[in-house]
C-alpha atoms as a PDB file:
ATOM      1  CA  UNK A   1      15.398  16.725  10.374  1.00  0.00           C
ATOM      2  CA  UNK A   2      11.718  16.692  11.366  1.00  0.00           C
ATOM      3  CA  UNK A   3      11.436  20.425  10.810  1.00  0.00           C
ATOM      4  CA  UNK A   4      12.659  19.902   7.237  1.00  0.00           C
ATOM      5  CA  UNK A   5       9.951  17.281   6.812  1.00  0.00           C
ATOM      6  CA  UNK A   6       7.310  19.706   8.090  1.00  0.00           C
ATOM      7  CA  UNK A   7       8.587  22.358   5.713  1.00  0.00           C
ATOM      8  CA  UNK A   8       7.853  20.075   2.781  1.00  0.00           C
ATOM      9  CA  UNK A   9       4.114  20.414   3.612  1.00  0.00           C
ATOM     10  CA  UNK A  10       4.014  24.181   4.322  1.00  0.00           C
ATOM     11  CA  UNK A  11       6.391  26.766   2.934  1.00  0.00           C
ATOM     12  CA  UNK A  12       5.611  29.176   5.727  1.00  0.00           C
ATOM     13  CA  UNK A  13       8.439  28.844   8.298  1.00  0.00           C
ATOM     14  CA  UNK A  14       6.292  30.308  11.132  1.00  0.00           C
ATOM     15  CA  UNK A  15       3.435  27.894  10.452  1.00  0.00           C
ATOM     16  CA  UNK A  16       5.958  25.028  10.166  1.00  0.00           C
ATOM     17  CA  UNK A  17       7.448  25.958  13.544  1.00  0.00           C
ATOM     18  CA  UNK A  18       3.967  25.879  15.099  1.00  0.00           C
ATOM     19  CA  UNK A  19       3.288  22.513  13.533  1.00  0.00           C
ATOM     20  CA  UNK A  20       6.533  21.123  14.863  1.00  0.00           C
ATOM     21  CA  UNK A  21       5.773  22.335  18.354  1.00  0.00           C
ATOM     22  CA  UNK A  22       2.308  20.713  18.025  1.00  0.00           C
ATOM     23  CA  UNK A  23       3.872  17.417  16.909  1.00  0.00           C
ATOM     24  CA  UNK A  24       6.136  17.303  19.934  1.00  0.00           C
ATOM     25  CA  UNK A  25       3.569  18.407  22.417  1.00  0.00           C
ATOM     26  CA  UNK A  26       1.026  15.858  21.148  1.00  0.00           C
ATOM     27  CA  UNK A  27       3.543  13.024  20.864  1.00  0.00           C
ATOM     28  CA  UNK A  28       5.566  13.440  24.053  1.00  0.00           C
ATOM     29  CA  UNK A  29       3.253  11.106  25.949  1.00  0.00           C
ATOM     30  CA  UNK A  30       3.515   8.431  23.299  1.00  0.00           C
ATOM     31  CA  UNK A  31       7.272   8.031  23.154  1.00  0.00           C
ATOM     32  CA  UNK A  32       7.098   4.532  24.622  1.00  0.00           C
ATOM     33  CA  UNK A  33       4.968   3.610  21.599  1.00  0.00           C
ATOM     34  CA  UNK A  34       7.821   4.866  19.368  1.00  0.00           C
ATOM     35  CA  UNK A  35      10.423   2.861  21.209  1.00  0.00           C
ATOM     36  CA  UNK A  36       8.206  -0.314  21.002  1.00  0.00           C
ATOM     37  CA  UNK A  37       7.563   0.221  17.282  1.00  0.00           C
ATOM     38  CA  UNK A  38       9.311  -1.784  14.614  1.00  0.00           C
ATOM     39  CA  UNK A  39      10.237   1.542  13.056  1.00  0.00           C
ATOM     40  CA  UNK A  40      13.150   3.721  13.973  1.00  0.00           C
ATOM     41  CA  UNK A  41      12.139   6.591  16.317  1.00  0.00           C
ATOM     42  CA  UNK A  42      12.622   9.090  13.482  1.00  0.00           C
ATOM     43  CA  UNK A  43      10.418   7.135  11.067  1.00  0.00           C
ATOM     44  CA  UNK A  44       7.839   6.824  13.759  1.00  0.00           C
ATOM     45  CA  UNK A  45       7.933  10.557  14.454  1.00  0.00           C
ATOM     46  CA  UNK A  46       7.722  11.296  10.756  1.00  0.00           C
ATOM     47  CA  UNK A  47       4.671   9.069  10.294  1.00  0.00           C
ATOM     48  CA  UNK A  48       2.902  10.628  13.343  1.00  0.00           C
ATOM     49  CA  UNK A  49       3.972  14.117  12.216  1.00  0.00           C
ATOM     50  CA  UNK A  50       2.332  13.523   8.775  1.00  0.00           C
ATOM     51  CA  UNK A  51      -0.974  12.471  10.456  1.00  0.00           C
ATOM     52  CA  UNK A  52      -0.891  15.717  12.550  1.00  0.00           C
ATOM     53  CA  UNK A  53      -0.058  17.816   9.476  1.00  0.00           C
ATOM     54  CA  UNK A  54      -2.854  16.246   7.502  1.00  0.00           C
ATOM     55  CA  UNK A  55      -5.287  16.928  10.343  1.00  0.00           C
ATOM     56  CA  UNK A  56      -4.085  20.504  10.545  1.00  0.00           C
ATOM     57  CA  UNK A  57      -4.394  21.025   6.788  1.00  0.00           C
ATOM     58  CA  UNK A  58      -8.019  19.744   6.744  1.00  0.00           C
ATOM     59  CA  UNK A  59      -8.923  22.037   9.612  1.00  0.00           C
ATOM     60  CA  UNK A  60      -7.119  25.135   8.282  1.00  0.00           C
ATOM     61  CA  UNK A  61      -7.903  24.717   4.589  1.00  0.00           C
ATOM     62  CA  UNK A  62      -4.229  24.573   3.821  1.00  0.00           C
ATOM     63  CA  UNK A  63      -4.920  21.850   1.308  1.00  0.00           C
ATOM     64  CA  UNK A  64      -3.414  22.667  -2.078  1.00  0.00           C
ATOM     65  CA  UNK A  65      -0.613  24.784  -0.726  1.00  0.00           C
ATOM     66  CA  UNK A  66       0.695  21.678   1.153  1.00  0.00           C
ATOM     67  CA  UNK A  67       3.375  19.649  -0.429  1.00  0.00           C
ATOM     68  CA  UNK A  68       4.872  22.229  -2.825  1.00  0.00           C
ATOM     69  CA  UNK A  69       8.258  20.527  -2.440  1.00  0.00           C
ATOM     70  CA  UNK A  70       6.908  17.255  -3.647  1.00  0.00           C
ATOM     71  CA  UNK A  71       5.114  18.904  -6.576  1.00  0.00           C
ATOM     72  CA  UNK A  72       8.504  20.168  -7.736  1.00  0.00           C
ATOM     73  CA  UNK A  73       9.990  16.650  -7.460  1.00  0.00           C
ATOM     74  CA  UNK A  74       7.185  15.240  -9.588  1.00  0.00           C
ATOM     75  CA  UNK A  75       7.288  17.858 -12.346  1.00  0.00           C
ATOM     76  CA  UNK A  76       8.394  15.143 -14.851  1.00  0.00           C
ATOM     77  CA  UNK A  77       5.633  12.754 -13.826  1.00  0.00           C
ATOM     78  CA  UNK A  78       2.367  12.308 -15.669  1.00  0.00           C
ATOM     79  CA  UNK A  79      -0.543  14.422 -14.487  1.00  0.00           C
ATOM     80  CA  UNK A  80      -2.210  11.194 -13.280  1.00  0.00           C
ATOM     81  CA  UNK A  81       0.862  10.262 -11.192  1.00  0.00           C
ATOM     82  CA  UNK A  82       0.907  13.837  -9.782  1.00  0.00           C
ATOM     83  CA  UNK A  83      -2.797  13.746  -8.911  1.00  0.00           C
ATOM     84  CA  UNK A  84      -2.617  10.360  -7.200  1.00  0.00           C
ATOM     85  CA  UNK A  85       0.489  11.317  -5.185  1.00  0.00           C
ATOM     86  CA  UNK A  86      -1.058  14.687  -4.132  1.00  0.00           C
ATOM     87  CA  UNK A  87      -4.412  13.126  -3.143  1.00  0.00           C
ATOM     88  CA  UNK A  88      -2.900  10.105  -1.241  1.00  0.00           C
ATOM     89  CA  UNK A  89       0.258  11.440   0.336  1.00  0.00           C
ATOM     90  CA  UNK A  90      -0.341  15.194   0.660  1.00  0.00           C
ATOM     91  CA  UNK A  91      -4.066  15.215   1.369  1.00  0.00           C
ATOM     92  CA  UNK A  92      -4.236  11.803   2.986  1.00  0.00           C
ATOM     93  CA  UNK A  93      -7.276  10.531   1.065  1.00  0.00           C
ATOM     94  CA  UNK A  94      -8.087   6.832   1.279  1.00  0.00           C
ATOM     95  CA  UNK A  95      -6.953   4.712  -1.731  1.00  0.00           C
ATOM     96  CA  UNK A  96     -10.428   3.164  -2.096  1.00  0.00           C
ATOM     97  CA  UNK A  97     -11.994   6.634  -2.335  1.00  0.00           C
ATOM     98  CA  UNK A  98      -9.547   7.668  -4.997  1.00  0.00           C
ATOM     99  CA  UNK A  99     -10.044   4.455  -6.899  1.00  0.00           C
ATOM    100  CA  UNK A 100     -13.864   4.994  -6.881  1.00  0.00           C
ATOM    101  CA  UNK A 101     -13.560   8.594  -7.974  1.00  0.00           C
ATOM    102  CA  UNK A 102     -11.213   7.872 -10.770  1.00  0.00           C
ATOM    103  CA  UNK A 103     -12.956   4.733 -11.940  1.00  0.00           C
ATOM    104  CA  UNK A 104      -9.665   2.761 -11.615  1.00  0.00           C
ATOM    105  CA  UNK A 105      -8.786  -0.271  -9.522  1.00  0.00           C
ATOM    106  CA  UNK A 106      -6.979   0.077  -6.216  1.00  0.00           C
ATOM    107  CA  UNK A 107      -4.069  -1.827  -7.825  1.00  0.00           C
ATOM    108  CA  UNK A 108      -3.864   0.840 -10.526  1.00  0.00           C
ATOM    109  CA  UNK A 109      -3.870   3.582  -7.841  1.00  0.00           C
ATOM    110  CA  UNK A 110      -1.162   1.710  -5.881  1.00  0.00           C
ATOM    111  CA  UNK A 111       0.950   1.360  -9.047  1.00  0.00           C
ATOM    112  CA  UNK A 112       0.715   5.078  -9.749  1.00  0.00           C
ATOM    113  CA  UNK A 113       1.770   5.851  -6.220  1.00  0.00           C
ATOM    114  CA  UNK A 114       4.746   3.498  -6.505  1.00  0.00           C
ATOM    115  CA  UNK A 115       5.758   5.095  -9.793  1.00  0.00           C
ATOM    116  CA  UNK A 116       5.557   8.520  -8.191  1.00  0.00           C
ATOM    117  CA  UNK A 117       7.734   7.467  -5.277  1.00  0.00           C
ATOM    118  CA  UNK A 118      10.263   5.915  -7.735  1.00  0.00           C
ATOM    119  CA  UNK A 119      10.415   9.257  -9.628  1.00  0.00           C
ATOM    120  CA  UNK A 120      11.040  11.133  -6.352  1.00  0.00           C
ATOM    121  CA  UNK A 121      13.716   8.590  -5.301  1.00  0.00           C
ATOM    122  CA  UNK A 122      15.555   9.079  -8.631  1.00  0.00           C
ATOM    123  CA  UNK A 123      15.929  12.763  -7.819  1.00  0.00           C
ATOM    124  CA  UNK A 124      18.062  11.888  -4.814  1.00  0.00           C
ATOM    125  CA  UNK A 125      20.338   9.352  -6.430  1.00  0.00           C
END
């Protein structure tokens, strides 16, 4: 399941395999943290994997290629919703930074993200 999650950020299977190996090698000493978390172990792994993927994409310049799967799921969303989702979720930019850049409030940015997530969720119902 975690490999499928990684593939959502990079379409290259070989790169995704390397990322997954990196996730497990970096997190194997933190498993007690996962068990003590209020999240399920899978949700904890997924959140930590996303952090590692974002770090990798910043270092490798993967940037815009990341998250192609999510772009397809948001094809019906407004350009503003797509932009906010891509910048926050795929690229990991801080909400405050995005709000400042766009001249919008953080509440507005949060609302756009929630709308984007609702659009994605509808694709799976």
